[in-house]
Amino acid sequence: MKKSLPLILLPAVLVTILWVCLSGSDSQKIEEGQPQVLSMTASVTIPGQMVFAGEKIVFDRYDKHERMDRELNSFTYFHSTTLLLFKRANRLFPLIEPILKQQGMPDDLKYLAVIESSLDPRAVSSAGAAGLWQFISSSATQYGLEVSPEVDERYHIEKSTLAACRYLKSAYRKYGSWSAALLSYNGGQARITNELSRQAADDALDLWLVEET
């Protein structure tokens, strides 16, 4: 047992030497005036409520709070994606915002394109939805876009934005809420209407829906 004691102490000695060397290196950098890079990770503070498209959203239910917490932290610390979205927004929002204003619609609705396509005008989903606003072929033609082997206006930024405005206006007239209109954009009006009735909910944001919606 006594003969093995040095072997047991060896790792501790090595760790101590390594720590001293690293500490000395950091001290030398400070003395030489080299900048020190500090990093900190902290959870994002979730507000109790917010206003979106002129409508107050209250995070008073635990599942709402948790979903908001997840999304805010994901966008905050998923740096590569978030930086790419900022760059795309600088290019595309100046094209989208005047159309929303012309149509008399809330400016916040531009963020729907962020969620639908990550602001990628060439995006195509596994279900065949395409473009900035992720229209499927049938919905695209229903709201005024040409979709043919020769021309696919789902990829046209301004025209597809106008088509999205037509849909959202129609949904807003039906539900009287931009939040409900946005939910129906992903889930479909028939489904949202059915769930409002089935769950006896007055507010679409109180519905229990699949995670994507």
C-alpha atoms as a PDB file:
ATOM      1  CA  MET A   1       0.000   0.000   0.000  1.00  0.00           C
ATOM      2  CA  LYS A   2       2.769   2.455   0.909  1.00  0.00           C
ATOM      3  CA  LYS A   3       4.617   1.761  -2.340  1.00  0.00           C
ATOM      4  CA  SER A   4       1.535   2.732  -4.384  1.00  0.00           C
ATOM      5  CA  LEU A   5       1.023   6.074  -2.618  1.00  0.00           C
ATOM      6  CA  PRO A   6       3.208   8.100  -5.034  1.00  0.00           C
ATOM      7  CA  LEU A   7       1.238   6.691  -7.964  1.00  0.00           C
ATOM      8  CA  ILE A   8      -1.992   7.821  -6.340  1.00  0.00           C
ATOM      9  CA  LEU A   9      -0.632  11.325  -5.766  1.00  0.00           C
ATOM     10  CA  LEU A  10       0.816  11.665  -9.272  1.00  0.00           C
ATOM     11  CA  PRO A  11      -2.417  12.828 -10.992  1.00  0.00           C
ATOM     12  CA  ALA A  12      -2.986  15.457  -8.299  1.00  0.00           C
ATOM     13  CA  VAL A  13       0.563  16.745  -8.731  1.00  0.00           C
ATOM     14  CA  LEU A  14       0.173  16.952 -12.519  1.00  0.00           C
ATOM     15  CA  VAL A  15      -3.129  18.829 -12.234  1.00  0.00           C
ATOM     16  CA  THR A  16      -1.566  21.292  -9.792  1.00  0.00           C
ATOM     17  CA  ILE A  17       1.387  21.939 -12.125  1.00  0.00           C
ATOM     18  CA  LEU A  18      -0.956  22.446 -15.087  1.00  0.00           C
ATOM     19  CA  TRP A  19      -3.099  24.899 -13.122  1.00  0.00           C
ATOM     20  CA  VAL A  20      -0.060  26.911 -12.059  1.00  0.00           C
ATOM     21  CA  CYS A  21       1.195  27.084 -15.653  1.00  0.00           C
ATOM     22  CA  LEU A  22      -2.160  28.224 -17.000  1.00  0.00           C
ATOM     23  CA  SER A  23      -2.586  30.788 -14.227  1.00  0.00           C
ATOM     24  CA  GLY A  24       0.870  32.158 -14.959  1.00  0.00           C
ATOM     25  CA  SER A  25       0.034  32.412 -18.641  1.00  0.00           C
ATOM     26  CA  ASP A  26      -3.167  34.368 -17.917  1.00  0.00           C
ATOM     27  CA  SER A  27      -1.323  36.683 -15.511  1.00  0.00           C
ATOM     28  CA  GLN A  28       1.332  37.337 -18.132  1.00  0.00           C
ATOM     29  CA  LYS A  29      -1.347  38.280 -20.682  1.00  0.00           C
ATOM     30  CA  ILE A  30      -2.917  40.715 -18.230  1.00  0.00           C
ATOM     31  CA  GLU A  31       0.460  42.267 -17.459  1.00  0.00           C
ATOM     32  CA  GLU A  32       1.196  42.621 -21.174  1.00  0.00           C
ATOM     33  CA  GLY A  33      -2.087  44.461 -21.644  1.00  0.00           C
ATOM     34  CA  GLN A  34      -3.662  41.846 -23.891  1.00  0.00           C
ATOM     35  CA  PRO A  35      -7.489  42.005 -23.973  1.00  0.00           C
ATOM     36  CA  GLN A  36      -9.299  39.389 -21.936  1.00  0.00           C
ATOM     37  CA  VAL A  37     -12.369  37.796 -23.500  1.00  0.00           C
ATOM     38  CA  LEU A  38     -15.030  36.943 -20.963  1.00  0.00           C
ATOM     39  CA  SER A  39     -18.148  34.929 -21.767  1.00  0.00           C
ATOM     40  CA  MET A  40     -21.351  34.435 -19.850  1.00  0.00           C
ATOM     41  CA  THR A  41     -24.449  32.387 -20.518  1.00  0.00           C
ATOM     42  CA  ALA A  42     -27.655  33.522 -18.871  1.00  0.00           C
ATOM     43  CA  SER A  43     -31.285  32.615 -19.331  1.00  0.00           C
ATOM     44  CA  VAL A  44     -33.362  35.193 -21.188  1.00  0.00           C
ATOM     45  CA  THR A  45     -35.899  37.062 -19.053  1.00  0.00           C
ATOM     46  CA  ILE A  46     -39.434  36.269 -20.196  1.00  0.00           C
ATOM     47  CA  PRO A  47     -41.859  39.219 -20.044  1.00  0.00           C
ATOM     48  CA  GLY A  48     -45.205  38.816 -18.335  1.00  0.00           C
ATOM     49  CA  GLN A  49     -46.927  40.124 -21.445  1.00  0.00           C
ATOM     50  CA  MET A  50     -46.232  41.626 -24.843  1.00  0.00           C
ATOM     51  CA  VAL A  51     -48.069  43.361 -27.671  1.00  0.00           C
ATOM     52  CA  PHE A  52     -48.015  41.738 -31.112  1.00  0.00           C
ATOM     53  CA  ALA A  53     -49.854  43.219 -34.095  1.00  0.00           C
ATOM     54  CA  GLY A  54     -51.716  45.499 -31.701  1.00  0.00           C
ATOM     55  CA  GLU A  55     -52.964  42.601 -29.573  1.00  0.00           C
ATOM     56  CA  LYS A  56     -51.880  41.963 -25.995  1.00  0.00           C
ATOM     57  CA  ILE A  57     -50.514  38.483 -25.318  1.00  0.00           C
ATOM     58  CA  VAL A  58     -50.251  37.474 -21.662  1.00  0.00           C
ATOM     59  CA  PHE A  59     -47.930  34.654 -20.595  1.00  0.00           C
ATOM     60  CA  ASP A  60     -50.001  33.732 -17.564  1.00  0.00           C
ATOM     61  CA  ARG A  61     -50.289  30.043 -18.387  1.00  0.00           C
ATOM     62  CA  TYR A  62     -47.294  27.841 -17.713  1.00  0.00           C
ATOM     63  CA  ASP A  63     -47.259  26.240 -21.178  1.00  0.00           C
ATOM     64  CA  LYS A  64     -47.310  29.649 -22.890  1.00  0.00           C
ATOM     65  CA  HIS A  65     -44.460  30.803 -20.668  1.00  0.00           C
ATOM     66  CA  GLU A  66     -42.419  27.657 -21.382  1.00  0.00           C
ATOM     67  CA  ARG A  67     -42.913  27.913 -25.152  1.00  0.00           C
ATOM     68  CA  MET A  68     -41.878  31.568 -25.132  1.00  0.00           C
ATOM     69  CA  ASP A  69     -38.892  30.724 -22.944  1.00  0.00           C
ATOM     70  CA  ARG A  70     -37.777  27.997 -25.331  1.00  0.00           C
ATOM     71  CA  GLU A  71     -38.096  30.144 -28.456  1.00  0.00           C
ATOM     72  CA  LEU A  72     -36.344  33.199 -26.987  1.00  0.00           C
ATOM     73  CA  ASN A  73     -33.440  31.173 -25.656  1.00  0.00           C
ATOM     74  CA  SER A  74     -33.143  29.249 -28.926  1.00  0.00           C
ATOM     75  CA  PHE A  75     -32.953  32.419 -31.012  1.00  0.00           C
ATOM     76  CA  THR A  76     -30.613  34.080 -28.504  1.00  0.00           C
ATOM     77  CA  TYR A  77     -28.015  31.313 -28.361  1.00  0.00           C
ATOM     78  CA  PHE A  78     -28.412  29.654 -31.774  1.00  0.00           C
ATOM     79  CA  HIS A  79     -25.980  32.272 -33.040  1.00  0.00           C
ATOM     80  CA  SER A  80     -25.370  31.141 -36.621  1.00  0.00           C
ATOM     81  CA  THR A  81     -29.065  30.961 -37.502  1.00  0.00           C
ATOM     82  CA  THR A  82     -29.959  34.187 -35.714  1.00  0.00           C
ATOM     83  CA  LEU A  83     -27.167  36.166 -37.397  1.00  0.00           C
ATOM     84  CA  LEU A  84     -28.264  34.811 -40.783  1.00  0.00           C
ATOM     85  CA  LEU A  85     -31.853  35.897 -40.075  1.00  0.00           C
ATOM     86  CA  PHE A  86     -30.661  39.427 -39.221  1.00  0.00           C
ATOM     87  CA  LYS A  87     -28.810  39.625 -42.533  1.00  0.00           C
ATOM     88  CA  ARG A  88     -31.790  38.357 -44.505  1.00  0.00           C
ATOM     89  CA  ALA A  89     -34.115  40.719 -42.645  1.00  0.00           C
ATOM     90  CA  ASN A  90     -31.966  43.707 -43.633  1.00  0.00           C
ATOM     91  CA  ARG A  91     -32.447  42.723 -47.263  1.00  0.00           C
ATOM     92  CA  LEU A  92     -36.074  41.541 -47.290  1.00  0.00           C
ATOM     93  CA  PHE A  93     -37.940  43.580 -44.684  1.00  0.00           C
ATOM     94  CA  PRO A  94     -37.590  46.796 -46.747  1.00  0.00           C
ATOM     95  CA  LEU A  95     -39.497  44.946 -49.501  1.00  0.00           C
ATOM     96  CA  ILE A  96     -42.165  43.471 -47.216  1.00  0.00           C
ATOM     97  CA  GLU A  97     -42.885  46.434 -44.934  1.00  0.00           C
ATOM     98  CA  PRO A  98     -44.222  48.856 -47.611  1.00  0.00           C
ATOM     99  CA  ILE A  99     -46.635  46.184 -48.859  1.00  0.00           C
ATOM    100  CA  LEU A 100     -48.004  45.550 -45.372  1.00  0.00           C
ATOM    101  CA  LYS A 101     -48.407  49.295 -44.857  1.00  0.00           C
ATOM    102  CA  GLN A 102     -50.124  49.706 -48.224  1.00  0.00           C
ATOM    103  CA  GLN A 103     -52.533  46.905 -47.326  1.00  0.00           C
ATOM    104  CA  GLY A 104     -53.295  48.481 -43.948  1.00  0.00           C
ATOM    105  CA  MET A 105     -51.883  45.554 -42.010  1.00  0.00           C
ATOM    106  CA  PRO A 106     -49.748  45.453 -38.837  1.00  0.00           C
ATOM    107  CA  ASP A 107     -46.013  45.631 -39.452  1.00  0.00           C
ATOM    108  CA  ASP A 108     -45.451  42.739 -37.025  1.00  0.00           C
ATOM    109  CA  LEU A 109     -46.937  40.313 -39.556  1.00  0.00           C
ATOM    110  CA  LYS A 110     -43.611  40.352 -41.406  1.00  0.00           C
ATOM    111  CA  TYR A 111     -42.263  38.015 -38.735  1.00  0.00           C
ATOM    112  CA  LEU A 112     -44.527  35.266 -40.071  1.00  0.00           C
ATOM    113  CA  ALA A 113     -42.109  34.940 -42.989  1.00  0.00           C
ATOM    114  CA  VAL A 114     -39.266  34.464 -40.504  1.00  0.00           C
ATOM    115  CA  ILE A 115     -41.060  31.491 -38.952  1.00  0.00           C
ATOM    116  CA  GLU A 116     -42.347  30.017 -42.206  1.00  0.00           C
ATOM    117  CA  SER A 117     -39.209  30.081 -44.343  1.00  0.00           C
ATOM    118  CA  SER A 118     -36.402  31.580 -42.224  1.00  0.00           C
ATOM    119  CA  LEU A 119     -36.626  34.445 -44.744  1.00  0.00           C
ATOM    120  CA  ASP A 120     -35.372  32.204 -47.549  1.00  0.00           C
ATOM    121  CA  PRO A 121     -37.280  33.036 -50.785  1.00  0.00           C
ATOM    122  CA  ARG A 122     -36.112  29.725 -52.293  1.00  0.00           C
ATOM    123  CA  ALA A 123     -37.241  27.540 -49.385  1.00  0.00           C
ATOM    124  CA  VAL A 124     -39.194  24.368 -50.192  1.00  0.00           C
ATOM    125  CA  SER A 125     -40.730  22.178 -47.496  1.00  0.00           C
ATOM    126  CA  SER A 126     -41.173  18.414 -47.531  1.00  0.00           C
ATOM    127  CA  ALA A 127     -44.906  19.021 -48.066  1.00  0.00           C
ATOM    128  CA  GLY A 128     -44.236  21.045 -51.226  1.00  0.00           C
ATOM    129  CA  ALA A 129     -44.802  24.507 -49.733  1.00  0.00           C
ATOM    130  CA  ALA A 130     -42.501  26.983 -51.450  1.00  0.00           C
ATOM    131  CA  GLY A 131     -41.157  30.502 -51.273  1.00  0.00           C
ATOM    132  CA  LEU A 132     -40.860  33.156 -48.615  1.00  0.00           C
ATOM    133  CA  TRP A 133     -44.421  32.599 -47.374  1.00  0.00           C
ATOM    134  CA  GLN A 134     -44.492  28.821 -47.894  1.00  0.00           C
ATOM    135  CA  PHE A 135     -47.575  28.488 -50.089  1.00  0.00           C
ATOM    136  CA  ILE A 136     -48.686  25.087 -51.348  1.00  0.00           C
ATOM    137  CA  SER A 137     -49.783  25.128 -54.986  1.00  0.00           C
ATOM    138  CA  SER A 138     -53.540  25.092 -54.348  1.00  0.00           C
ATOM    139  CA  SER A 139     -53.433  27.940 -51.814  1.00  0.00           C
ATOM    140  CA  ALA A 140     -51.094  29.950 -54.034  1.00  0.00           C
ATOM    141  CA  THR A 141     -53.510  29.909 -56.974  1.00  0.00           C
ATOM    142  CA  GLN A 142     -56.466  30.559 -54.652  1.00  0.00           C
ATOM    143  CA  TYR A 143     -54.852  33.800 -53.508  1.00  0.00           C
ATOM    144  CA  GLY A 144     -53.786  35.067 -56.898  1.00  0.00           C
ATOM    145  CA  LEU A 145     -50.400  33.516 -57.677  1.00  0.00           C
ATOM    146  CA  GLU A 146     -49.528  31.753 -60.905  1.00  0.00           C
ATOM    147  CA  VAL A 147     -48.078  28.280 -60.438  1.00  0.00           C
ATOM    148  CA  SER A 148     -47.199  26.415 -63.618  1.00  0.00           C
ATOM    149  CA  PRO A 149     -44.287  24.496 -65.145  1.00  0.00           C
ATOM    150  CA  GLU A 150     -43.100  27.784 -66.657  1.00  0.00           C
ATOM    151  CA  VAL A 151     -43.841  30.276 -63.869  1.00  0.00           C
ATOM    152  CA  ASP A 152     -44.026  29.888 -60.110  1.00  0.00           C
ATOM    153  CA  GLU A 153     -44.860  33.181 -58.429  1.00  0.00           C
ATOM    154  CA  ARG A 154     -44.485  31.672 -54.971  1.00  0.00           C
ATOM    155  CA  TYR A 155     -40.812  32.609 -55.354  1.00  0.00           C
ATOM    156  CA  HIS A 156     -41.629  36.238 -56.248  1.00  0.00           C
ATOM    157  CA  ILE A 157     -41.108  38.250 -53.073  1.00  0.00           C
ATOM    158  CA  GLU A 158     -43.583  41.073 -53.684  1.00  0.00           C
ATOM    159  CA  LYS A 159     -46.324  38.984 -55.308  1.00  0.00           C
ATOM    160  CA  SER A 160     -46.157  36.245 -52.701  1.00  0.00           C
ATOM    161  CA  THR A 161     -46.277  38.888 -49.958  1.00  0.00           C
ATOM    162  CA  LEU A 162     -49.471  40.292 -51.472  1.00  0.00           C
ATOM    163  CA  ALA A 163     -50.926  36.785 -51.586  1.00  0.00           C
ATOM    164  CA  ALA A 164     -50.057  36.296 -47.915  1.00  0.00           C
ATOM    165  CA  CYS A 165     -51.813  39.593 -47.147  1.00  0.00           C
ATOM    166  CA  ARG A 166     -54.938  38.379 -48.947  1.00  0.00           C
ATOM    167  CA  TYR A 167     -54.983  35.208 -46.896  1.00  0.00           C
ATOM    168  CA  LEU A 168     -54.358  36.958 -43.586  1.00  0.00           C
ATOM    169  CA  LYS A 169     -57.047  39.562 -44.290  1.00  0.00           C
ATOM    170  CA  SER A 170     -59.520  36.779 -45.027  1.00  0.00           C
ATOM    171  CA  ALA A 171     -58.601  34.944 -41.822  1.00  0.00           C
ATOM    172  CA  TYR A 172     -58.775  38.163 -39.788  1.00  0.00           C
ATOM    173  CA  ARG A 173     -62.280  38.874 -41.065  1.00  0.00           C
ATOM    174  CA  LYS A 174     -63.273  35.382 -39.943  1.00  0.00           C
ATOM    175  CA  TYR A 175     -61.665  35.360 -36.487  1.00  0.00           C
ATOM    176  CA  GLY A 176     -61.316  39.035 -35.600  1.00  0.00           C
ATOM    177  CA  SER A 177     -57.805  38.359 -34.309  1.00  0.00           C
ATOM    178  CA  TRP A 178     -54.391  38.501 -35.947  1.00  0.00           C
ATOM    179  CA  SER A 179     -53.134  35.808 -33.597  1.00  0.00           C
ATOM    180  CA  ALA A 180     -55.848  33.422 -34.758  1.00  0.00           C
ATOM    181  CA  ALA A 181     -55.174  34.384 -38.376  1.00  0.00           C
ATOM    182  CA  LEU A 182     -51.495  33.516 -37.951  1.00  0.00           C
ATOM    183  CA  LEU A 183     -52.319  30.171 -36.325  1.00  0.00           C
ATOM    184  CA  SER A 184     -54.619  29.328 -39.223  1.00  0.00           C
ATOM    185  CA  TYR A 185     -51.865  30.192 -41.697  1.00  0.00           C
ATOM    186  CA  ASN A 186     -49.992  27.132 -40.486  1.00  0.00           C
ATOM    187  CA  GLY A 187     -52.826  24.926 -39.248  1.00  0.00           C
ATOM    188  CA  GLY A 188     -55.569  25.840 -41.709  1.00  0.00           C
ATOM    189  CA  GLN A 189     -58.798  27.713 -41.041  1.00  0.00           C
ATOM    190  CA  ALA A 190     -60.928  24.566 -40.894  1.00  0.00           C
ATOM    191  CA  ARG A 191     -58.717  23.070 -38.217  1.00  0.00           C
ATOM    192  CA  ILE A 192     -58.510  26.200 -36.077  1.00  0.00           C
ATOM    193  CA  THR A 193     -62.277  26.696 -36.311  1.00  0.00           C
ATOM    194  CA  ASN A 194     -62.863  23.071 -35.332  1.00  0.00           C
ATOM    195  CA  GLU A 195     -60.448  23.274 -32.390  1.00  0.00           C
ATOM    196  CA  LEU A 196     -61.993  26.508 -31.104  1.00  0.00           C
ATOM    197  CA  SER A 197     -65.337  24.728 -31.018  1.00  0.00           C
ATOM    198  CA  ARG A 198     -64.068  21.399 -29.691  1.00  0.00           C
ATOM    199  CA  GLN A 199     -61.993  22.950 -26.902  1.00  0.00           C
ATOM    200  CA  ALA A 200     -64.632  25.611 -26.146  1.00  0.00           C
ATOM    201  CA  ALA A 201     -61.957  28.317 -26.317  1.00  0.00           C
ATOM    202  CA  ASP A 202     -62.580  32.013 -26.900  1.00  0.00           C
ATOM    203  CA  ASP A 203     -58.933  32.830 -27.634  1.00  0.00           C
ATOM    204  CA  ALA A 204     -57.015  30.885 -30.289  1.00  0.00           C
ATOM    205  CA  LEU A 205     -53.843  31.247 -28.214  1.00  0.00           C
ATOM    206  CA  ASP A 206     -55.474  29.122 -25.506  1.00  0.00           C
ATOM    207  CA  LEU A 207     -55.775  26.145 -27.866  1.00  0.00           C
ATOM    208  CA  TRP A 208     -53.721  22.995 -27.373  1.00  0.00           C
ATOM    209  CA  LEU A 209     -52.247  22.386 -30.824  1.00  0.00           C
ATOM    210  CA  VAL A 210     -49.373  20.458 -32.336  1.00  0.00           C
ATOM    211  CA  GLU A 211     -45.953  21.916 -31.561  1.00  0.00           C
ATOM    212  CA  GLU A 212     -45.327  23.306 -35.068  1.00  0.00           C
ATOM    213  CA  THR A 213     -48.460  25.504 -34.977  1.00  0.00           C
END
